[in-house]
Amino acid sequence: MKKFALFLLGALSLIVLLSHVGPMIGLVISLAVLYFAFKKFSRAESAGGKILWGAIGIIALCFSIGNVPAIIGIAALAGLYFVYKTWNSDKRTAYEPNDPFDHFEKEWKEFRYK
């Protein structure tokens, strides 16, 4: 049942991710332009250059804010990562208390071969 639920979560996440690829690409491009504009703005020495790069940065920031659906795509990508990590995880590890007398045989083997 757990594998079926993970499969459904993975399939749903994949469908959502594929439907939000466009806004995610737009977000990456607009953030790259924003970063480039910020770097050029901080290096510009003239007032005209600062105004030009500031305006480009503000426009890129507006495009970045407009790509809010990309956050849904990022969440779907995180869901796919969760499914990938938990698909083959082994949960059969037993609880091992710190009391050495509970697992005397194991402790004896470790002591003996040291």
Protein backbone atom coordinates (compact mmCIF):
# COMPACT_ATOMS: atom_id res chain seq x y z
CA MET A 1 0.00 0.00 0.00
CA LYS A 2 2.89 2.34 0.77
CA LYS A 3 4.43 1.79 -2.66
CA PHE A 4 1.08 2.52 -4.30
CA ALA A 5 0.73 5.80 -2.39
CA LEU A 6 4.29 6.74 -3.30
CA PHE A 7 3.55 5.91 -6.95
CA LEU A 8 0.46 8.12 -6.91
CA LEU A 9 2.37 10.97 -5.28
CA GLY A 10 5.17 10.59 -7.81
CA ALA A 11 2.80 10.49 -10.77
CA LEU A 12 0.89 13.54 -9.55
CA SER A 13 4.13 15.41 -8.87
CA LEU A 14 5.44 14.56 -12.32
CA ILE A 15 2.27 15.81 -14.02
CA VAL A 16 2.33 19.06 -12.01
CA LEU A 17 6.05 19.49 -12.67
CA LEU A 18 5.64 19.01 -16.42
CA SER A 19 2.77 21.48 -16.53
CA HIS A 20 4.86 24.12 -14.72
CA VAL A 21 8.09 23.78 -16.69
CA GLY A 22 7.39 26.99 -18.64
CA PRO A 23 7.00 29.23 -15.59
CA MET A 24 10.04 27.59 -13.99
CA ILE A 25 12.19 28.38 -17.04
CA GLY A 26 10.81 31.92 -17.05
CA LEU A 27 11.66 32.28 -13.37
CA VAL A 28 15.22 31.08 -13.90
CA ILE A 29 15.74 33.46 -16.82
CA SER A 30 14.24 36.44 -15.03
CA LEU A 31 16.31 35.75 -11.91
CA ALA A 32 19.45 35.50 -14.05
CA VAL A 33 18.64 38.86 -15.69
CA LEU A 34 17.95 40.33 -12.25
CA TYR A 35 21.31 39.08 -10.94
CA PHE A 36 23.12 40.43 -14.01
CA ALA A 37 21.35 43.80 -13.68
CA PHE A 38 22.25 44.00 -9.99
CA LYS A 39 25.91 43.28 -10.72
CA LYS A 40 25.99 45.89 -13.50
CA PHE A 41 24.11 48.40 -11.31
CA SER A 42 26.63 48.10 -8.50
CA ARG A 43 29.57 48.48 -10.93
CA ALA A 44 28.12 51.41 -12.90
CA GLU A 45 29.83 54.73 -12.25
CA SER A 46 27.54 57.12 -14.10
CA ALA A 47 24.04 58.11 -13.06
CA GLY A 48 22.65 57.15 -16.46
CA GLY A 49 24.12 53.67 -16.16
CA LYS A 50 22.66 53.23 -12.69
CA ILE A 51 19.23 54.37 -13.89
CA LEU A 52 19.38 52.04 -16.90
CA TRP A 53 20.43 48.97 -14.89
CA GLY A 54 18.03 49.85 -12.07
CA ALA A 55 15.13 49.96 -14.55
CA ILE A 56 16.20 46.65 -16.10
CA GLY A 57 16.43 45.17 -12.59
CA ILE A 58 12.95 46.39 -11.66
CA ILE A 59 11.49 44.96 -14.87
CA ALA A 60 13.23 41.62 -14.21
CA LEU A 61 11.92 41.66 -10.62
CA CYS A 62 8.38 42.17 -11.92
CA PHE A 63 8.79 39.23 -14.29
CA SER A 64 10.14 37.12 -11.40
CA ILE A 65 7.16 37.99 -9.23
CA GLY A 66 4.87 37.16 -12.17
CA ASN A 67 6.23 33.61 -12.27
CA VAL A 68 4.65 32.58 -8.97
CA PRO A 69 3.31 29.31 -10.48
CA ALA A 70 6.93 28.21 -10.71
CA ILE A 71 6.85 27.78 -6.92
CA ILE A 72 4.22 25.07 -7.41
CA GLY A 73 6.57 23.39 -9.87
CA ILE A 74 9.41 23.59 -7.35
CA ALA A 75 7.15 21.98 -4.73
CA ALA A 76 6.32 19.21 -7.23
CA LEU A 77 10.04 18.71 -7.80
CA ALA A 78 10.50 18.38 -4.04
CA GLY A 79 7.68 15.80 -3.99
CA LEU A 80 9.42 13.80 -6.70
CA TYR A 81 12.67 13.94 -4.72
CA PHE A 82 10.82 12.69 -1.62
CA VAL A 83 9.32 9.78 -3.58
CA TYR A 84 12.74 8.92 -5.03
CA LYS A 85 14.40 8.89 -1.61
CA THR A 86 11.70 6.88 0.18
CA TRP A 87 10.99 4.37 -2.59
CA ASN A 88 13.81 2.00 -1.65
CA SER A 89 14.44 3.04 1.93
CA ASP A 90 14.70 0.14 4.34
CA LYS A 91 12.69 0.67 7.53
CA ARG A 92 13.54 -2.73 9.03
CA THR A 93 16.13 -1.43 11.45
CA ALA A 94 15.24 -2.55 14.93
CA TYR A 95 15.36 -0.36 17.96
CA GLU A 96 18.62 -0.93 19.76
CA PRO A 97 18.64 0.37 23.32
CA ASN A 98 21.84 1.56 24.96
CA ASP A 99 21.77 -1.16 27.60
CA PRO A 100 24.55 -3.64 26.68
CA PHE A 101 22.77 -6.55 28.41
CA ASP A 102 19.85 -6.40 25.97
CA HIS A 103 22.15 -7.47 23.14
CA PHE A 104 24.77 -9.42 24.98
CA GLU A 105 25.72 -11.61 22.03
CA LYS A 106 26.35 -8.64 19.79
CA GLU A 107 28.37 -6.83 22.42
CA TRP A 108 30.39 -9.96 23.14
CA LYS A 109 31.29 -10.35 19.46
CA GLU A 110 32.36 -6.72 19.23
CA PHE A 111 34.44 -7.01 22.40
CA ARG A 112 35.98 -10.28 21.38
CA TYR A 113 37.18 -9.21 17.93
CA LYS A 114 38.62 -5.83 18.90
